[in-house]
Structures are given as structure tokens and as C-alpha cells.
Amino acid sequence: MQNSSIEIGDFDVTEADLLGGIFFDAVREGAAEFYDLEQRRAWASKQPSGQNWASRLAGQKTVVARKAGLPVGFMTFDGDGYIDLAFVAPGHQRQGIGRALYARIESAARDANIERLHSKASYLVRGLFEQQGWEVVRKQRVERSGVTLTNFLMEKRLDNPVRPTDIAANSKQS
């Protein structure tokens, strides 16, 4: 992927319904490798839109990947470090967009002094998170509309690395 063609930025509430479409398509099409049709229909029974969906996105730190100015993916997290939503449009999956979104999320979490990121990850996002140093806490079975789906409770501790300026300052105090 050419990262220069993808821009990562903050959520604009006018994009909420477009992000709902990305969520819906990512679940219905992009997750087909891991979940059967009945599971995908239970997970995303309809495309989220409207005020409740916009409020859900606005109530978290939401970052959006855009190509040619149009959203192609997004990821959210809250003040507790919980990544709620992480979706890339099916035609743009496995091109580094999820990794770019995650890098922005982790950077923002570190800036906010959040010590741990955690999520209930699907099979698809599990792979991305593991590549970024996450660990599976446990495999879970959840029920949606009478259908059982598998996800993974995952986490990553954000040990704030010691900066060279901290080392220099500490050595002068000795």
C-alpha cells in the first residue's frame, strides 16, 4: 500500500453514516472468511446510521482513514483504552490501513497516559492486534440475536518507554 494515498484524521460527524456503511460492509463481506452468513447477519442486522450512531462515534476518540477524501476505514477508543470499533472497507482490507489507524490510536492513547488498550476483537482484527504486540486474554463466545459468535478479549500494556532526555536527567541527579 502507498501510505501517501491514505490520510488518517479525526472523525467528522458528517461522515457518520458513511462509517456505518463501512462497518456493515466489513462485517457482511470482509468477515466472511471467519464468520458464516447467519453470524454476520446477527452481528450487523442493518447498517447503523442516524443520531444514535453519530453519538456513539462522537462519544469516543474516532480516527478515520480517507482515500481521495472519502472514508475507507475507522477505529475508536474511549478514555479507558477500550477499542470499540475497528473496521476497514472490504475493498481496502489487508493494505495497511488498519495498521495505520491503529498506530494513530496507540499514539493518542500514549499521549493520554492510558496504560492499557483492550478490546473484544473479531478473528479478523485479532491478527492485526497480535502483529502490534497484543495478547489474547481469552477466547469468548457471545450471543447476538440468538446466534453464537466467537471473539477474543485482548489487551496490550502501554509501558511508556524511557526517553533519552529522562536518562540524561537521571544521570545528572546521581
N, C-alpha and C. Protein backbone atom coordinates (compact mmCIF):
# COMPACT_ATOMS: atom_id res chain seq x y z
N MET A 1 0.84 -1.19 0.00
CA MET A 1 0.00 0.00 0.00
C MET A 1 0.88 1.24 0.00
N GLN A 2 0.47 2.23 -0.68
CA GLN A 2 1.17 3.51 -0.66
C GLN A 2 0.52 4.38 0.41
N ASN A 3 1.21 4.54 1.54
CA ASN A 3 0.63 5.30 2.63
C ASN A 3 0.34 6.74 2.25
N SER A 4 1.05 7.26 1.25
CA SER A 4 0.84 8.65 0.85
C SER A 4 -0.58 8.87 0.31
N SER A 5 -1.22 7.79 -0.17
CA SER A 5 -2.57 7.95 -0.71
C SER A 5 -3.64 7.85 0.37
N ILE A 6 -3.25 7.44 1.57
CA ILE A 6 -4.20 7.33 2.69
C ILE A 6 -3.89 8.42 3.70
N GLU A 7 -4.93 9.11 4.12
CA GLU A 7 -4.78 10.14 5.16
C GLU A 7 -5.55 9.67 6.38
N ILE A 8 -4.91 9.77 7.54
CA ILE A 8 -5.56 9.42 8.81
C ILE A 8 -5.87 10.72 9.53
N GLY A 9 -7.13 10.90 9.90
CA GLY A 9 -7.52 12.13 10.57
C GLY A 9 -8.64 11.89 11.56
N ASP A 10 -9.08 12.96 12.17
CA ASP A 10 -10.15 12.89 13.15
C ASP A 10 -11.51 12.74 12.47
N PHE A 11 -12.42 12.18 13.21
CA PHE A 11 -13.79 11.97 12.78
C PHE A 11 -14.52 13.29 12.58
N ASP A 12 -15.29 13.35 11.52
CA ASP A 12 -16.20 14.47 11.27
C ASP A 12 -17.61 13.89 11.33
N VAL A 13 -18.47 14.46 12.15
CA VAL A 13 -19.81 13.91 12.37
C VAL A 13 -20.59 13.76 11.07
N THR A 14 -20.27 14.53 10.06
CA THR A 14 -20.98 14.40 8.78
C THR A 14 -20.64 13.08 8.08
N GLU A 15 -19.60 12.39 8.54
CA GLU A 15 -19.20 11.11 7.94
C GLU A 15 -19.83 9.90 8.64
N ALA A 16 -20.62 10.13 9.67
CA ALA A 16 -21.13 9.03 10.50
C ALA A 16 -21.82 7.95 9.66
N ASP A 17 -22.73 8.34 8.79
CA ASP A 17 -23.46 7.34 8.01
C ASP A 17 -22.53 6.59 7.05
N LEU A 18 -21.52 7.27 6.51
CA LEU A 18 -20.54 6.58 5.65
C LEU A 18 -19.77 5.53 6.45
N LEU A 19 -19.43 5.87 7.70
CA LEU A 19 -18.73 4.91 8.55
C LEU A 19 -19.65 3.73 8.91
N GLY A 20 -20.94 4.01 9.05
CA GLY A 20 -21.90 2.93 9.26
C GLY A 20 -21.90 1.95 8.09
N GLY A 21 -21.77 2.49 6.89
CA GLY A 21 -21.68 1.65 5.69
C GLY A 21 -20.41 0.81 5.68
N ILE A 22 -19.31 1.40 6.11
CA ILE A 22 -18.04 0.65 6.19
C ILE A 22 -18.18 -0.48 7.20
N PHE A 23 -18.73 -0.18 8.38
CA PHE A 23 -18.97 -1.22 9.38
C PHE A 23 -19.79 -2.36 8.79
N PHE A 24 -20.93 -2.02 8.19
CA PHE A 24 -21.86 -3.02 7.66
C PHE A 24 -21.17 -3.89 6.60
N ASP A 25 -20.51 -3.24 5.64
CA ASP A 25 -19.85 -3.99 4.57
C ASP A 25 -18.68 -4.82 5.09
N ALA A 26 -17.94 -4.28 6.06
CA ALA A 26 -16.81 -5.02 6.61
C ALA A 26 -17.28 -6.29 7.32
N VAL A 27 -18.40 -6.19 8.03
CA VAL A 27 -18.94 -7.37 8.70
C VAL A 27 -19.55 -8.32 7.68
N ARG A 28 -20.42 -7.81 6.82
CA ARG A 28 -21.15 -8.67 5.89
C ARG A 28 -20.27 -9.31 4.82
N GLU A 29 -19.26 -8.55 4.34
CA GLU A 29 -18.40 -9.07 3.27
C GLU A 29 -17.00 -9.43 3.78
N GLY A 30 -16.38 -8.48 4.47
CA GLY A 30 -14.99 -8.65 4.87
C GLY A 30 -14.75 -9.74 5.89
N ALA A 31 -15.75 -10.05 6.71
CA ALA A 31 -15.58 -11.07 7.76
C ALA A 31 -16.06 -12.44 7.31
N ALA A 32 -16.40 -12.59 6.03
CA ALA A 32 -16.94 -13.85 5.52
C ALA A 32 -15.96 -15.02 5.67
N GLU A 33 -14.69 -14.72 5.70
CA GLU A 33 -13.67 -15.77 5.85
C GLU A 33 -13.76 -16.42 7.23
N PHE A 34 -14.27 -15.70 8.22
CA PHE A 34 -14.23 -16.17 9.60
C PHE A 34 -15.60 -16.47 10.21
N TYR A 35 -16.66 -15.85 9.67
CA TYR A 35 -17.99 -16.00 10.24
C TYR A 35 -18.97 -16.38 9.14
N ASP A 36 -19.89 -17.30 9.44
CA ASP A 36 -20.86 -17.70 8.42
C ASP A 36 -21.93 -16.60 8.25
N LEU A 37 -22.77 -16.76 7.24
CA LEU A 37 -23.76 -15.73 6.91
C LEU A 37 -24.70 -15.44 8.08
N GLU A 38 -25.16 -16.48 8.75
CA GLU A 38 -26.05 -16.28 9.89
C GLU A 38 -25.36 -15.45 10.98
N GLN A 39 -24.09 -15.72 11.25
CA GLN A 39 -23.35 -14.96 12.26
C GLN A 39 -23.17 -13.50 11.83
N ARG A 40 -22.86 -13.30 10.56
CA ARG A 40 -22.65 -11.93 10.07
C ARG A 40 -23.96 -11.14 10.09
N ARG A 41 -25.06 -11.79 9.79
CA ARG A 41 -26.36 -11.11 9.85
C ARG A 41 -26.73 -10.75 11.29
N ALA A 42 -26.40 -11.61 12.23
CA ALA A 42 -26.68 -11.32 13.65
C ALA A 42 -25.80 -10.17 14.15
N TRP A 43 -24.56 -10.15 13.70
CA TRP A 43 -23.60 -9.12 14.12
C TRP A 43 -24.00 -7.76 13.56
N ALA A 44 -24.39 -7.75 12.28
CA ALA A 44 -24.78 -6.50 11.61
C ALA A 44 -26.11 -6.74 10.92
N SER A 45 -27.18 -6.61 11.69
CA SER A 45 -28.51 -6.86 11.12
C SER A 45 -28.93 -5.77 10.14
N LYS A 46 -28.43 -4.55 10.38
CA LYS A 46 -28.72 -3.45 9.47
C LYS A 46 -27.56 -2.46 9.55
N GLN A 47 -27.50 -1.58 8.59
CA GLN A 47 -26.43 -0.58 8.57
C GLN A 47 -26.72 0.49 9.61
N PRO A 48 -25.78 0.72 10.55
CA PRO A 48 -26.02 1.77 11.54
C PRO A 48 -25.99 3.15 10.90
N SER A 49 -26.89 4.01 11.36
CA SER A 49 -26.95 5.38 10.84
C SER A 49 -27.75 6.24 11.82
N GLY A 50 -27.79 7.50 11.52
CA GLY A 50 -28.60 8.41 12.31
C GLY A 50 -27.91 8.94 13.55
N GLN A 51 -28.70 9.61 14.38
CA GLN A 51 -28.17 10.32 15.55
C GLN A 51 -27.52 9.39 16.58
N ASN A 52 -28.12 8.24 16.86
CA ASN A 52 -27.54 7.34 17.86
C ASN A 52 -26.16 6.85 17.43
N TRP A 53 -26.03 6.50 16.17
CA TRP A 53 -24.75 6.04 15.63
C TRP A 53 -23.72 7.18 15.65
N ALA A 54 -24.14 8.37 15.22
CA ALA A 54 -23.23 9.52 15.23
C ALA A 54 -22.78 9.83 16.65
N SER A 55 -23.69 9.73 17.62
CA SER A 55 -23.35 9.99 19.01
C SER A 55 -22.38 8.94 19.55
N ARG A 56 -22.56 7.69 19.15
CA ARG A 56 -21.63 6.63 19.58
C ARG A 56 -20.22 6.93 19.09
N LEU A 57 -20.09 7.35 17.84
CA LEU A 57 -18.78 7.68 17.28
C LEU A 57 -18.20 8.94 17.91
N ALA A 58 -19.03 9.94 18.12
CA ALA A 58 -18.57 11.21 18.69
C ALA A 58 -18.21 11.08 20.16
N GLY A 59 -18.78 10.08 20.83
CA GLY A 59 -18.52 9.89 22.25
C GLY A 59 -17.20 9.21 22.55
N GLN A 60 -16.47 8.84 21.51
CA GLN A 60 -15.17 8.20 21.65
C GLN A 60 -14.16 8.97 20.80
N LYS A 61 -12.91 8.64 20.95
CA LYS A 61 -11.89 9.16 20.03
C LYS A 61 -12.01 8.29 18.79
N THR A 62 -12.43 8.88 17.69
CA THR A 62 -12.63 8.15 16.44
C THR A 62 -11.67 8.71 15.40
N VAL A 63 -10.86 7.83 14.82
CA VAL A 63 -9.97 8.24 13.75
C VAL A 63 -10.43 7.57 12.46
N VAL A 64 -10.25 8.29 11.37
CA VAL A 64 -10.78 7.86 10.08
C VAL A 64 -9.66 7.83 9.05
N ALA A 65 -9.62 6.75 8.27
CA ALA A 65 -8.71 6.66 7.13
C ALA A 65 -9.48 7.11 5.90
N ARG A 66 -8.87 8.02 5.14
CA ARG A 66 -9.52 8.54 3.93
C ARG A 66 -8.61 8.34 2.73
N LYS A 67 -9.23 7.98 1.64
CA LYS A 67 -8.53 7.87 0.36
C LYS A 67 -9.28 8.76 -0.60
N ALA A 68 -8.59 9.67 -1.25
CA ALA A 68 -9.22 10.65 -2.13
C ALA A 68 -10.34 11.39 -1.40
N GLY A 69 -10.14 11.64 -0.10
CA GLY A 69 -11.09 12.40 0.69
C GLY A 69 -12.27 11.61 1.22
N LEU A 70 -12.40 10.35 0.83
CA LEU A 70 -13.54 9.53 1.27
C LEU A 70 -13.11 8.50 2.30
N PRO A 71 -13.92 8.29 3.34
CA PRO A 71 -13.57 7.30 4.37
C PRO A 71 -13.48 5.88 3.80
N VAL A 72 -12.43 5.17 4.21
CA VAL A 72 -12.26 3.76 3.83
C VAL A 72 -12.06 2.87 5.06
N GLY A 73 -11.97 3.50 6.24
CA GLY A 73 -11.82 2.73 7.47
C GLY A 73 -11.87 3.65 8.67
N PHE A 74 -12.07 3.06 9.85
CA PHE A 74 -12.09 3.85 11.08
C PHE A 74 -11.83 2.96 12.28
N MET A 75 -11.41 3.60 13.37
CA MET A 75 -11.16 2.91 14.62
C MET A 75 -11.49 3.87 15.75
N THR A 76 -12.01 3.32 16.86
CA THR A 76 -12.39 4.14 18.01
C THR A 76 -11.76 3.61 19.29
N PHE A 77 -11.59 4.51 20.25
CA PHE A 77 -11.27 4.08 21.61
C PHE A 77 -11.79 5.11 22.60
N ASP A 78 -11.99 4.65 23.84
CA ASP A 78 -12.51 5.55 24.87
C ASP A 78 -11.41 5.89 25.87
N GLY A 79 -11.77 6.67 26.88
CA GLY A 79 -10.80 7.13 27.87
C GLY A 79 -10.23 6.04 28.74
N ASP A 80 -10.84 4.86 28.71
CA ASP A 80 -10.34 3.71 29.47
C ASP A 80 -9.43 2.83 28.60
N GLY A 81 -9.21 3.22 27.35
CA GLY A 81 -8.36 2.44 26.46
C GLY A 81 -9.08 1.31 25.75
N TYR A 82 -10.42 1.32 25.77
CA TYR A 82 -11.19 0.27 25.11
C TYR A 82 -11.38 0.60 23.63
N ILE A 83 -10.89 -0.27 22.75
CA ILE A 83 -11.12 -0.11 21.32
C ILE A 83 -12.44 -0.80 21.01
N ASP A 84 -13.44 0.00 20.69
CA ASP A 84 -14.80 -0.48 20.47
C ASP A 84 -14.99 -0.93 19.02
N LEU A 85 -14.58 -0.11 18.08
CA LEU A 85 -14.82 -0.36 16.66
C LEU A 85 -13.52 -0.27 15.88
N ALA A 86 -13.30 -1.22 14.98
CA ALA A 86 -12.11 -1.21 14.12
C ALA A 86 -12.50 -1.88 12.80
N PHE A 87 -12.77 -1.06 11.79
CA PHE A 87 -13.29 -1.59 10.53
C PHE A 87 -12.67 -0.90 9.33
N VAL A 88 -12.38 -1.70 8.30
CA VAL A 88 -11.88 -1.20 7.03
C VAL A 88 -12.78 -1.74 5.94
N ALA A 89 -13.11 -0.90 4.98
CA ALA A 89 -13.97 -1.32 3.87
C ALA A 89 -13.37 -2.55 3.17
N PRO A 90 -14.21 -3.51 2.78
CA PRO A 90 -13.70 -4.75 2.20
C PRO A 90 -12.70 -4.57 1.05
N GLY A 91 -12.93 -3.63 0.18
CA GLY A 91 -12.01 -3.42 -0.95
C GLY A 91 -10.67 -2.81 -0.56
N HIS A 92 -10.53 -2.44 0.70
CA HIS A 92 -9.30 -1.80 1.18
C HIS A 92 -8.62 -2.59 2.30
N GLN A 93 -9.16 -3.76 2.62
CA GLN A 93 -8.57 -4.58 3.68
C GLN A 93 -7.23 -5.16 3.24
N ARG A 94 -6.37 -5.41 4.23
CA ARG A 94 -5.06 -6.02 4.04
C ARG A 94 -4.15 -5.17 3.15
N GLN A 95 -4.29 -3.85 3.31
CA GLN A 95 -3.44 -2.90 2.58
C GLN A 95 -2.70 -1.97 3.53
N GLY A 96 -2.74 -2.28 4.83
CA GLY A 96 -2.04 -1.45 5.81
C GLY A 96 -2.88 -0.35 6.43
N ILE A 97 -4.13 -0.24 6.04
CA ILE A 97 -4.99 0.82 6.57
C ILE A 97 -5.29 0.58 8.05
N GLY A 98 -5.63 -0.66 8.41
CA GLY A 98 -5.88 -0.98 9.82
C GLY A 98 -4.65 -0.70 10.68
N ARG A 99 -3.49 -1.03 10.17
CA ARG A 99 -2.23 -0.77 10.90
C ARG A 99 -2.02 0.74 11.09
N ALA A 100 -2.31 1.53 10.05
CA ALA A 100 -2.16 2.98 10.14
C ALA A 100 -3.16 3.58 11.14
N LEU A 101 -4.39 3.10 11.11
CA LEU A 101 -5.39 3.55 12.08
C LEU A 101 -4.95 3.19 13.50
N TYR A 102 -4.50 1.96 13.66
CA TYR A 102 -4.08 1.52 14.99
C TYR A 102 -2.90 2.36 15.50
N ALA A 103 -1.95 2.67 14.64
CA ALA A 103 -0.79 3.47 15.06
C ALA A 103 -1.25 4.81 15.61
N ARG A 104 -2.25 5.42 14.97
CA ARG A 104 -2.77 6.71 15.45
C ARG A 104 -3.47 6.53 16.79
N ILE A 105 -4.22 5.45 16.95
CA ILE A 105 -4.93 5.17 18.21
C ILE A 105 -3.91 4.96 19.33
N GLU A 106 -2.90 4.14 19.09
CA GLU A 106 -1.93 3.87 20.15
C GLU A 106 -1.17 5.14 20.53
N SER A 107 -0.83 5.94 19.56
CA SER A 107 -0.15 7.20 19.84
C SER A 107 -1.02 8.12 20.70
N ALA A 108 -2.30 8.22 20.36
CA ALA A 108 -3.22 9.05 21.13
C ALA A 108 -3.39 8.50 22.54
N ALA A 109 -3.43 7.19 22.67
CA ALA A 109 -3.57 6.57 24.00
C ALA A 109 -2.34 6.85 24.85
N ARG A 110 -1.17 6.76 24.25
CA ARG A 110 0.07 7.06 24.99
C ARG A 110 0.09 8.54 25.41
N ASP A 111 -0.32 9.42 24.50
CA ASP A 111 -0.37 10.86 24.81
C ASP A 111 -1.33 11.13 25.97
N ALA A 112 -2.37 10.32 26.10
CA ALA A 112 -3.35 10.47 27.17
C ALA A 112 -2.96 9.69 28.43
N ASN A 113 -1.75 9.13 28.42
CA ASN A 113 -1.24 8.33 29.56
C ASN A 113 -2.13 7.15 29.91
N ILE A 114 -2.74 6.57 28.90
CA ILE A 114 -3.52 5.35 29.09
C ILE A 114 -2.53 4.20 29.19
N GLU A 115 -2.67 3.38 30.21
CA GLU A 115 -1.69 2.32 30.46
C GLU A 115 -1.98 1.02 29.73
N ARG A 116 -3.23 0.84 29.28
CA ARG A 116 -3.60 -0.43 28.66
C ARG A 116 -4.68 -0.20 27.62
N LEU A 117 -4.48 -0.79 26.45
CA LEU A 117 -5.53 -0.86 25.44
C LEU A 117 -6.16 -2.23 25.54
N HIS A 118 -7.47 -2.33 25.33
CA HIS A 118 -8.15 -3.62 25.38
C HIS A 118 -9.33 -3.59 24.42
N SER A 119 -9.76 -4.79 24.02
CA SER A 119 -10.82 -4.89 23.03
C SER A 119 -11.43 -6.28 23.05
N LYS A 120 -12.61 -6.38 22.47
CA LYS A 120 -13.23 -7.66 22.16
C LYS A 120 -13.09 -7.81 20.65
N ALA A 121 -12.04 -8.48 20.24
CA ALA A 121 -11.64 -8.50 18.83
C ALA A 121 -12.24 -9.68 18.07
N SER A 122 -12.64 -9.41 16.84
CA SER A 122 -13.07 -10.48 15.94
C SER A 122 -11.84 -11.25 15.47
N TYR A 123 -12.09 -12.35 14.77
CA TYR A 123 -10.97 -13.10 14.19
C TYR A 123 -10.10 -12.21 13.30
N LEU A 124 -10.73 -11.37 12.50
CA LEU A 124 -10.00 -10.53 11.55
C LEU A 124 -9.11 -9.52 12.28
N VAL A 125 -9.64 -8.84 13.28
CA VAL A 125 -8.87 -7.82 13.99
C VAL A 125 -7.85 -8.46 14.93
N ARG A 126 -8.12 -9.68 15.38
CA ARG A 126 -7.17 -10.38 16.24
C ARG A 126 -5.79 -10.42 15.58
N GLY A 127 -5.74 -10.78 14.32
CA GLY A 127 -4.46 -10.85 13.61
C GLY A 127 -3.73 -9.52 13.59
N LEU A 128 -4.47 -8.45 13.31
CA LEU A 128 -3.87 -7.11 13.30
C LEU A 128 -3.32 -6.76 14.67
N PHE A 129 -4.11 -6.99 15.70
CA PHE A 129 -3.68 -6.65 17.05
C PHE A 129 -2.47 -7.48 17.48
N GLU A 130 -2.47 -8.75 17.16
CA GLU A 130 -1.31 -9.59 17.51
C GLU A 130 -0.04 -9.08 16.85
N GLN A 131 -0.15 -8.61 15.62
CA GLN A 131 1.02 -8.03 14.93
C GLN A 131 1.53 -6.78 15.63
N GLN A 132 0.67 -6.14 16.42
CA GLN A 132 1.04 -4.91 17.13
C GLN A 132 1.41 -5.18 18.59
N GLY A 133 1.61 -6.45 18.93
CA GLY A 133 2.06 -6.80 20.28
C GLY A 133 0.97 -7.08 21.29
N TRP A 134 -0.25 -7.24 20.84
CA TRP A 134 -1.35 -7.55 21.74
C TRP A 134 -1.33 -9.02 22.12
N GLU A 135 -1.99 -9.33 23.23
CA GLU A 135 -2.12 -10.70 23.70
C GLU A 135 -3.59 -11.05 23.87
N VAL A 136 -3.91 -12.32 23.59
CA VAL A 136 -5.26 -12.81 23.83
C VAL A 136 -5.37 -13.14 25.31
N VAL A 137 -6.34 -12.54 25.98
CA VAL A 137 -6.63 -12.85 27.38
C VAL A 137 -7.47 -14.13 27.43
N ARG A 138 -8.51 -14.16 26.59
CA ARG A 138 -9.32 -15.38 26.48
C ARG A 138 -10.22 -15.31 25.24
N LYS A 139 -10.54 -16.49 24.75
CA LYS A 139 -11.50 -16.64 23.67
C LYS A 139 -12.88 -16.59 24.30
N GLN A 140 -13.82 -15.90 23.64
CA GLN A 140 -15.16 -15.75 24.19
C GLN A 140 -16.21 -16.16 23.16
N ARG A 141 -17.32 -16.63 23.67
CA ARG A 141 -18.47 -16.89 22.82
C ARG A 141 -19.56 -15.93 23.29
N VAL A 142 -20.06 -15.14 22.35
CA VAL A 142 -21.10 -14.16 22.67
C VAL A 142 -22.34 -14.46 21.83
N GLU A 143 -23.48 -14.06 22.35
CA GLU A 143 -24.72 -14.29 21.63
C GLU A 143 -25.30 -12.98 21.13
N ARG A 144 -25.66 -12.98 19.87
CA ARG A 144 -26.34 -11.83 19.26
C ARG A 144 -27.56 -12.36 18.52
N SER A 145 -28.72 -11.88 18.90
CA SER A 145 -29.97 -12.29 18.24
C SER A 145 -30.10 -13.81 18.16
N GLY A 146 -29.70 -14.50 19.24
CA GLY A 146 -29.83 -15.95 19.29
C GLY A 146 -28.75 -16.71 18.55
N VAL A 147 -27.75 -16.02 18.02
CA VAL A 147 -26.67 -16.66 17.27
C VAL A 147 -25.37 -16.49 18.06
N THR A 148 -24.58 -17.55 18.13
CA THR A 148 -23.32 -17.50 18.86
C THR A 148 -22.17 -17.13 17.94
N LEU A 149 -21.39 -16.15 18.39
CA LEU A 149 -20.19 -15.72 17.66
C LEU A 149 -18.99 -15.85 18.60
N THR A 150 -17.83 -16.00 18.01
CA THR A 150 -16.59 -16.05 18.78
C THR A 150 -15.84 -14.75 18.61
N ASN A 151 -15.33 -14.23 19.73
CA ASN A 151 -14.40 -13.11 19.67
C ASN A 151 -13.33 -13.34 20.73
N PHE A 152 -12.42 -12.40 20.84
CA PHE A 152 -11.27 -12.58 21.72
C PHE A 152 -11.08 -11.35 22.59
N LEU A 153 -11.09 -11.55 23.89
CA LEU A 153 -10.75 -10.48 24.80
C LEU A 153 -9.23 -10.33 24.70
N MET A 154 -8.78 -9.15 24.30
CA MET A 154 -7.36 -8.91 24.06
C MET A 154 -6.92 -7.65 24.77
N GLU A 155 -5.61 -7.55 24.99
CA GLU A 155 -5.08 -6.35 25.60
C GLU A 155 -3.63 -6.14 25.20
N LYS A 156 -3.21 -4.90 25.37
CA LYS A 156 -1.81 -4.53 25.21
C LYS A 156 -1.48 -3.51 26.29
N ARG A 157 -0.47 -3.80 27.06
CA ARG A 157 0.02 -2.86 28.06
C ARG A 157 0.88 -1.83 27.34
N LEU A 158 0.67 -0.57 27.68
CA LEU A 158 1.44 0.51 27.07
C LEU A 158 2.46 0.99 28.08
N ASP A 159 3.56 0.30 28.14
CA ASP A 159 4.64 0.73 29.03
C ASP A 159 5.26 1.94 28.37
N ASN A 160 5.11 3.08 29.00
CA ASN A 160 5.68 4.29 28.41
C ASN A 160 7.20 4.17 28.42
N PRO A 161 7.80 4.15 27.22
CA PRO A 161 9.24 3.95 27.15
C PRO A 161 10.00 5.13 27.76
N VAL A 162 11.17 4.81 28.30
CA VAL A 162 12.03 5.85 28.86
C VAL A 162 12.64 6.62 27.70
N ARG A 163 12.52 7.93 27.76
CA ARG A 163 13.07 8.77 26.70
C ARG A 163 14.54 9.08 27.01
N PRO A 164 15.37 9.29 26.00
CA PRO A 164 16.79 9.62 26.23
C PRO A 164 16.97 10.83 27.13
N THR A 165 16.06 11.82 27.06
CA THR A 165 16.19 13.00 27.92
C THR A 165 15.97 12.63 29.38
N ASP A 166 15.13 11.61 29.66
CA ASP A 166 14.92 11.15 31.04
C ASP A 166 16.19 10.51 31.59
N ILE A 167 16.86 9.72 30.75
CA ILE A 167 18.09 9.05 31.17
C ILE A 167 19.15 10.10 31.50
N ALA A 168 19.28 11.09 30.64
CA ALA A 168 20.28 12.14 30.86
C ALA A 168 19.97 12.90 32.14
N ALA A 169 18.71 13.23 32.37
CA ALA A 169 18.33 13.96 33.58
C ALA A 169 18.60 13.15 34.84
N ASN A 170 18.30 11.86 34.79
CA ASN A 170 18.53 10.99 35.95
C ASN A 170 20.01 10.80 36.24
N SER A 171 20.85 10.74 35.21
CA SER A 171 22.27 10.55 35.44
C SER A 171 22.91 11.79 36.07
N LYS A 172 22.37 12.96 35.78
CA LYS A 172 22.89 14.20 36.36
C LYS A 172 22.53 14.30 37.84
N GLN A 173 21.41 13.66 38.23
CA GLN A 173 20.98 13.72 39.62
C GLN A 173 21.79 12.79 40.52
N SER A 174 22.47 11.84 39.95
CA SER A 174 23.21 10.83 40.73
C SER A 174 24.42 11.42 41.41
